[in-house]
Structures are given as C-alpha cells and as structure tokens.
Amino acid sequence: MGLPVIGPVPAPGIHVMTFNIRRRSSRPGGPVADRWERRRALVAELLRTERPAVVGIQEAMPDQADAVGLALGETYRRLGRGREREGRGEGCPIFVDTARFDILAHRQEALSETPEVAGSRGWFAAAPRTAVVATLRDRVTGAVCEVINTHFDHVSPLARVRSAEQIRRMVIAGGRPAVVLGDLNAGAGSRPLRVLLGDGVLSDAWTRAAERRTPEWGTRPNYRRPRPDGRRIDWLLVGGGSRDGEGIEVDVAAINGEAVRGRWPSDHLPVQAVLRLPPPSRS
C-alpha cells in the first residue's frame, strides 16, 4: 500500500476511522472485485498501515469482524455483536486500542421504536439496524468521550430520518464529547444530515478540519478509481451535549482513496480524522 494517508498518531491526537468493509456475499456470479476471499488481505493491510486508535466498521459478518480484529492486533478490543435477535449476522462493531483507551461502558441499541429489543426493525427498514455506543477514557490525557458507530437503512427514507433523530438523542443524553461514525446512506444536505447537523450539536469533521489530506472523494466508488464529484455517504461527525463540537478539535481529515496493491479493499472508502478531545473537567 505504501505510505499511510494518516498512520499512527502520537497523543494527544486520536486517529479515528469509519470503514464499511462490504458484507461478505454468498451470491454466485458476482463481481470478482467483490469477493471477500480476494479482499480480506487488502482490508488487513490497509488497517495495519493506518493504525487508527478507534475504528467503526460496517457490514461486518462475524468472520469478517474476526479478520479485522486479527489485522489490528491483540491490544484492540471489539465492541458490538450482530444485528439479529440473538446477536448473529451482520454488525457494525467498534474496535478500540486498549493501549490508548480504557473502555468505561458500551452497549448496542436497535434503531427502532424499541431500541432495547435486539433484532427489532423500525420505520419500514429493510433489515434490523443498530448503533454501538462506547464510553472511552484516554489513558494519556484522561479525557472521556462517547463513540457511536452505526449503519442506516438503505431502503427506507423514513428509517434514515428517524435513525438520525435517535442518534442525536443519544449524543445529547450522553452529555459528553462524542464522535459519530457510520455509513448513513445519505449525502450532504439530505434530511438525515440536516437532523444531525442542523443545530450544532454535531458537525462534520471534514469541514471542521484544519488540514484536509485528500480530495473530497465520493465515499462509494464501487471498486473504481474515486472521483471528487461523488457523494459522501460515509460520515465522521464530532460534537457533544452542547453546541460547537463540545471543544473537540479536528486537526486532520481524509477520505482514503488509495488502492492496496492495485485494488480497492471495499466498495466504500475509509473516512479518517485526527481528533483532540477537550481536557477533562477539574471540578
């Protein structure tokens, strides 16, 4: 793969990534580029090269989540399970480098009218959708934040809007600096993004960044060379329980359009940022 787009980051910076790795498909006759057995090593190489301290993965079947954990190494802990009623199936886990963070709490909610019911579907969604929430403490600075990783429904517009409202409520209820990662299946200016960004509780890390290390690629080039005129549907948002990002600084943002050995690991591109959390309260 060559040089990383961001790579390992010294404290107090925190390298964060969101990455839809594309669900393993059993469909015969699909595109060769889509086959997981051809992509597994590419995903692993990308993750080992970039070394994010926190990464939210979408569309991970259990064996794919295992492969991500193996690539990242033994200091990383996986949070979250499959989206089906008994925790099976596709999920959107968070991987946390425990050499950098203490995990204070974590949970998984269904994106539905009954978030406590695993496997429940909401608002005409095509499949169960979830959010994984982790409360993390930086072992270097002592700062505490919440990380939310999610994947909105690709069929129901109502489900995407209601899911955005649910995520926004989570951020406000948490009352602390927050990072939202996810494939939202929604572009800039869409109703879900207006819900999430409309009043300053959350903001787009790309637009807040002091440095943008790549063009603003569309995030789903579908195994083709990325284009700057494509839509961003994968998002990395920062914020908290109050306005103006709760003091989270975004030093760098990137949309990783680099091929790995001439091929792309997924039909989506990783979105990455270097964040700095506000210092912990001394009160």
Protein backbone atom coordinates (compact mmCIF):
# COMPACT_ATOMS: atom_id res chain seq x y z
CA MET A 1 0.00 0.00 0.00
CA GLY A 2 2.93 2.34 0.55
CA LEU A 3 2.80 5.28 2.92
CA PRO A 4 -0.27 5.76 5.12
CA VAL A 5 -2.69 8.60 4.50
CA ILE A 6 -2.56 9.34 8.25
CA GLY A 7 -0.97 6.42 10.07
CA PRO A 8 -0.17 6.14 13.80
CA VAL A 9 -0.66 9.40 15.69
CA PRO A 10 1.04 10.46 18.93
CA ALA A 11 -1.03 11.74 21.86
CA PRO A 12 -2.94 13.92 22.37
CA GLY A 13 -4.08 13.29 18.78
CA ILE A 14 -6.51 10.43 18.23
CA HIS A 15 -6.71 8.72 14.85
CA VAL A 16 -10.32 7.68 14.20
CA MET A 17 -11.71 5.84 11.17
CA THR A 18 -15.08 4.74 9.82
CA PHE A 19 -15.00 1.98 7.19
CA ASN A 20 -17.74 -0.04 5.51
CA ILE A 21 -15.82 -3.19 4.58
CA ARG A 22 -18.66 -4.60 2.43
CA ARG A 23 -20.58 -7.61 3.66
CA ARG A 24 -19.28 -10.98 2.53
CA SER A 25 -21.63 -12.19 -0.17
CA SER A 26 -22.54 -15.77 -0.97
CA ARG A 27 -24.21 -14.71 -4.23
CA PRO A 28 -22.76 -16.75 -7.11
CA GLY A 29 -21.56 -14.95 -10.19
CA GLY A 30 -20.93 -11.59 -8.50
CA PRO A 31 -18.09 -9.26 -9.49
CA VAL A 32 -14.63 -10.69 -8.86
CA ALA A 33 -13.61 -7.46 -7.10
CA ASP A 34 -16.39 -8.02 -4.54
CA ARG A 35 -15.27 -11.44 -3.33
CA TRP A 36 -14.21 -11.43 0.30
CA GLU A 37 -11.51 -14.03 -0.22
CA ARG A 38 -9.84 -11.54 -2.58
CA ARG A 39 -10.37 -8.54 -0.31
CA ARG A 40 -9.57 -9.90 3.15
CA ALA A 41 -5.82 -9.33 2.87
CA LEU A 42 -6.36 -5.86 1.37
CA VAL A 43 -8.56 -4.78 4.30
CA ALA A 44 -5.98 -6.15 6.73
CA GLU A 45 -3.10 -4.33 5.01
CA LEU A 46 -4.97 -1.03 4.99
CA LEU A 47 -5.77 -1.29 8.70
CA ARG A 48 -2.23 -2.29 9.63
CA THR A 49 -0.84 0.62 7.62
CA GLU A 50 -3.20 3.26 9.01
CA ARG A 51 -3.40 2.01 12.64
CA PRO A 52 -6.42 4.03 13.83
CA ALA A 53 -6.84 4.02 17.61
CA VAL A 54 -10.61 3.75 17.17
CA VAL A 55 -12.33 2.32 14.11
CA GLY A 56 -16.01 1.80 13.40
CA ILE A 57 -16.69 -0.98 10.90
CA GLN A 58 -19.93 -1.50 9.00
CA GLU A 59 -21.32 -4.57 7.19
CA ALA A 60 -19.11 -6.99 9.11
CA MET A 61 -20.21 -10.60 9.21
CA PRO A 62 -18.73 -12.49 12.22
CA ASP A 63 -15.80 -13.95 10.27
CA GLN A 64 -15.06 -10.53 8.77
CA ALA A 65 -15.06 -8.92 12.22
CA ASP A 66 -12.65 -11.65 13.32
CA ALA A 67 -10.38 -10.79 10.39
CA VAL A 68 -10.42 -7.09 11.32
CA GLY A 69 -9.50 -7.91 14.92
CA LEU A 70 -6.66 -10.15 13.78
CA ALA A 71 -5.31 -7.42 11.50
CA LEU A 72 -5.39 -4.76 14.21
CA GLY A 73 -3.72 -6.93 16.85
CA GLU A 74 -4.12 -8.10 20.39
CA THR A 75 -4.36 -4.67 22.06
CA TYR A 76 -7.64 -3.97 20.24
CA ARG A 77 -10.98 -4.95 21.72
CA ARG A 78 -14.13 -5.47 19.65
CA LEU A 79 -17.40 -3.98 20.93
CA GLY A 80 -20.76 -4.92 19.47
CA ARG A 81 -22.44 -8.01 18.06
CA GLY A 82 -24.59 -8.97 15.10
CA ARG A 83 -27.83 -7.15 14.45
CA GLU A 84 -30.15 -10.18 14.61
CA ARG A 85 -32.21 -11.10 17.66
CA GLU A 86 -29.60 -13.44 19.15
CA GLY A 87 -26.63 -11.30 18.19
CA ARG A 88 -25.89 -13.16 14.99
CA GLY A 89 -25.40 -11.81 11.49
CA GLU A 90 -24.05 -8.57 10.14
CA GLY A 91 -22.88 -5.95 12.64
CA CYS A 92 -21.18 -2.59 12.99
CA PRO A 93 -18.57 -3.18 15.72
CA ILE A 94 -16.19 -0.64 17.20
CA PHE A 95 -12.55 -1.66 17.61
CA VAL A 96 -10.67 0.18 20.36
CA ASP A 97 -6.94 0.17 21.05
CA THR A 98 -6.88 -0.58 24.78
CA ALA A 99 -3.25 0.53 24.96
CA ARG A 100 -4.64 4.03 24.42
CA PHE A 101 -8.16 3.89 25.89
CA ASP A 102 -9.94 2.46 28.89
CA ILE A 103 -13.41 1.21 27.97
CA LEU A 104 -15.72 2.52 30.67
CA ALA A 105 -19.00 1.23 29.22
CA HIS A 106 -20.52 0.00 25.99
CA ARG A 107 -23.91 -1.07 24.67
CA GLN A 108 -25.77 -1.81 21.46
CA GLU A 109 -29.19 -0.41 20.58
CA ALA A 110 -31.58 -1.25 17.78
CA LEU A 111 -32.50 1.67 15.56
CA SER A 112 -36.23 1.27 16.01
CA GLU A 113 -39.18 2.30 18.15
CA THR A 114 -37.99 -0.36 20.64
CA PRO A 115 -34.22 0.18 20.86
CA GLU A 116 -33.87 -2.25 23.75
CA VAL A 117 -35.23 -5.14 21.66
CA ALA A 118 -32.40 -6.80 19.75
CA GLY A 119 -33.28 -7.52 16.14
CA SER A 120 -36.20 -5.10 16.01
CA ARG A 121 -36.81 -3.16 12.81
CA GLY A 122 -38.03 0.40 12.68
CA TRP A 123 -39.86 2.58 10.21
CA PHE A 124 -40.09 0.15 7.26
CA ALA A 125 -36.38 -0.63 7.27
CA ALA A 126 -35.29 -3.49 5.03
CA ALA A 127 -33.28 -5.09 7.84
CA PRO A 128 -32.56 -4.58 11.54
CA ARG A 129 -30.24 -1.62 12.09
CA THR A 130 -28.12 -0.91 15.15
CA ALA A 131 -25.85 1.56 16.87
CA VAL A 132 -22.92 0.55 19.07
CA VAL A 133 -22.05 3.07 21.78
CA ALA A 134 -18.75 3.09 23.70
CA THR A 135 -17.65 5.38 26.52
CA LEU A 136 -13.87 5.69 26.39
CA ARG A 137 -11.26 7.35 28.60
CA ASP A 138 -7.98 8.43 27.05
CA ARG A 139 -5.24 6.81 29.12
CA VAL A 140 -2.85 9.64 28.22
CA THR A 141 -4.96 12.76 28.82
CA GLY A 142 -7.80 11.41 31.00
CA ALA A 143 -10.40 12.87 28.63
CA VAL A 144 -13.66 10.93 28.28
CA CYS A 145 -15.77 10.70 25.13
CA GLU A 146 -18.50 8.62 23.57
CA VAL A 147 -18.09 6.90 20.22
CA ILE A 148 -21.19 5.81 18.29
CA ASN A 149 -20.93 3.57 15.23
CA THR A 150 -23.94 2.92 13.03
CA HIS A 151 -25.27 1.98 9.60
CA PHE A 152 -28.55 3.50 8.42
CA ASP A 153 -31.03 1.62 6.25
CA HIS A 154 -30.51 1.74 2.50
CA VAL A 155 -34.19 1.39 1.52
CA SER A 156 -36.46 3.40 3.82
CA PRO A 157 -36.05 7.21 3.82
CA LEU A 158 -38.19 7.39 6.97
CA ALA A 159 -35.89 4.94 8.76
CA ARG A 160 -32.86 7.10 7.94
CA VAL A 161 -34.51 10.23 9.32
CA ARG A 162 -35.79 8.53 12.48
CA SER A 163 -32.40 6.84 12.99
CA ALA A 164 -30.72 10.26 12.74
CA GLU A 165 -33.10 11.57 15.39
CA GLN A 166 -32.27 8.61 17.64
CA ILE A 167 -28.51 9.14 17.25
CA ARG A 168 -28.89 12.84 18.01
CA ARG A 169 -30.81 12.00 21.20
CA MET A 170 -28.02 9.59 22.23
CA VAL A 171 -25.40 12.31 21.81
CA ILE A 172 -27.38 14.83 23.84
CA ALA A 173 -28.22 12.29 26.57
CA GLY A 174 -24.56 11.33 26.88
CA GLY A 175 -23.67 14.90 27.75
CA ARG A 176 -20.00 14.49 26.83
CA PRO A 177 -17.81 14.90 23.74
CA ALA A 178 -18.97 12.49 21.08
CA VAL A 179 -17.79 11.02 17.80
CA VAL A 180 -20.35 9.52 15.41
CA LEU A 181 -19.09 7.09 12.78
CA GLY A 182 -21.14 5.47 10.08
CA ASP A 183 -22.41 4.66 6.67
CA LEU A 184 -25.54 6.82 6.75
CA ASN A 185 -26.69 6.06 3.19
CA ALA A 186 -27.35 9.79 2.92
CA GLY A 187 -25.47 12.64 1.33
CA ALA A 188 -24.77 16.22 2.30
CA GLY A 189 -27.95 18.28 2.55
CA SER A 190 -30.21 15.25 2.94
CA ARG A 191 -32.85 15.15 5.68
CA PRO A 192 -30.84 12.75 7.91
CA LEU A 193 -27.79 15.02 7.72
CA ARG A 194 -29.92 18.09 8.40
CA VAL A 195 -31.23 16.36 11.54
CA LEU A 196 -27.72 15.51 12.70
CA LEU A 197 -26.00 18.78 11.80
CA GLY A 198 -28.82 21.31 11.85
CA ASP A 199 -28.36 22.92 15.24
CA GLY A 200 -24.65 22.49 16.00
CA VAL A 201 -24.88 19.55 18.40
CA LEU A 202 -22.85 17.63 15.80
CA SER A 203 -20.65 18.86 12.97
CA ASP A 204 -18.84 17.34 10.03
CA ALA A 205 -15.19 16.57 10.80
CA TRP A 206 -14.27 17.16 7.15
CA THR A 207 -15.48 20.76 7.19
CA ARG A 208 -14.01 21.43 10.66
CA ALA A 209 -10.56 20.06 9.86
CA ALA A 210 -7.56 22.35 9.98
CA GLU A 211 -5.97 20.19 7.25
CA ARG A 212 -7.60 18.04 4.57
CA ARG A 213 -5.11 15.50 3.37
CA THR A 214 -7.06 14.20 0.34
CA PRO A 215 -9.60 15.43 -2.18
CA GLU A 216 -13.23 15.23 -1.11
CA TRP A 217 -13.77 11.89 -2.76
CA GLY A 218 -17.19 10.31 -3.04
CA THR A 219 -17.11 7.53 -0.47
CA ARG A 220 -18.72 4.71 -2.51
CA PRO A 221 -16.80 4.39 -5.78
CA ASN A 222 -17.69 0.68 -6.04
CA TYR A 223 -14.16 -0.66 -6.64
CA ARG A 224 -13.41 2.06 -9.18
CA ARG A 225 -10.98 4.95 -9.01
CA PRO A 226 -12.57 7.53 -6.68
CA ARG A 227 -13.94 10.81 -8.02
CA PRO A 228 -14.10 14.18 -6.27
CA ASP A 229 -17.61 14.75 -7.63
CA GLY A 230 -19.06 11.65 -5.92
CA ARG A 231 -21.39 11.73 -2.93
CA ARG A 232 -20.17 11.32 0.62
CA ILE A 233 -22.45 8.80 2.34
CA ASP A 234 -19.92 7.68 4.97
CA TRP A 235 -19.52 10.25 7.74
CA LEU A 236 -17.34 11.12 10.69
CA LEU A 237 -19.11 13.63 12.92
CA VAL A 238 -17.94 15.31 16.12
CA GLY A 239 -19.93 17.01 18.82
CA GLY A 240 -21.35 16.59 22.26
CA GLY A 241 -24.03 17.56 24.70
CA SER A 242 -23.70 21.22 23.86
CA ARG A 243 -23.09 23.28 20.74
CA ASP A 244 -19.89 23.91 18.79
CA GLY A 245 -18.49 20.41 18.98
CA GLU A 246 -18.00 20.37 22.76
CA GLY A 247 -14.42 21.50 22.26
CA ILE A 248 -13.33 18.59 20.01
CA GLU A 249 -10.61 19.81 17.65
CA VAL A 250 -10.17 18.25 14.21
CA ASP A 251 -6.54 18.54 13.16
CA VAL A 252 -6.69 16.40 10.00
CA ALA A 253 -9.39 14.79 7.86
CA ALA A 254 -9.00 12.36 4.96
CA ILE A 255 -11.05 10.16 2.64
CA ASN A 256 -8.73 7.29 1.86
CA GLY A 257 -8.91 6.61 -1.86
CA GLU A 258 -5.61 4.72 -2.02
CA ALA A 259 -5.59 1.33 -3.71
CA VAL A 260 -3.85 -1.57 -1.98
CA ARG A 261 -1.62 -3.46 -4.40
CA GLY A 262 -3.63 -2.02 -7.26
CA ARG A 263 -7.07 -2.98 -5.88
CA TRP A 264 -9.59 -1.46 -3.50
CA PRO A 265 -10.43 -3.33 -0.29
CA SER A 266 -14.12 -2.37 -0.33
CA ASP A 267 -16.75 -0.68 -2.44
CA HIS A 268 -16.61 2.12 0.17
CA LEU A 269 -13.64 4.28 1.15
CA PRO A 270 -12.49 4.76 4.75
CA VAL A 271 -13.06 8.21 6.24
CA GLN A 272 -10.39 9.21 8.75
CA ALA A 273 -9.60 12.07 11.11
CA VAL A 274 -7.16 13.13 13.78
CA LEU A 275 -9.08 14.50 16.76
CA ARG A 276 -8.10 16.13 20.03
CA LEU A 277 -10.53 15.88 22.93
CA PRO A 278 -11.03 18.74 25.39
CA PRO A 279 -9.18 18.23 28.68
CA PRO A 280 -11.17 16.55 31.46
CA SER A 281 -13.05 18.76 33.87
CA ARG A 282 -11.13 19.57 37.07
CA SER A 283 -14.29 20.24 39.06
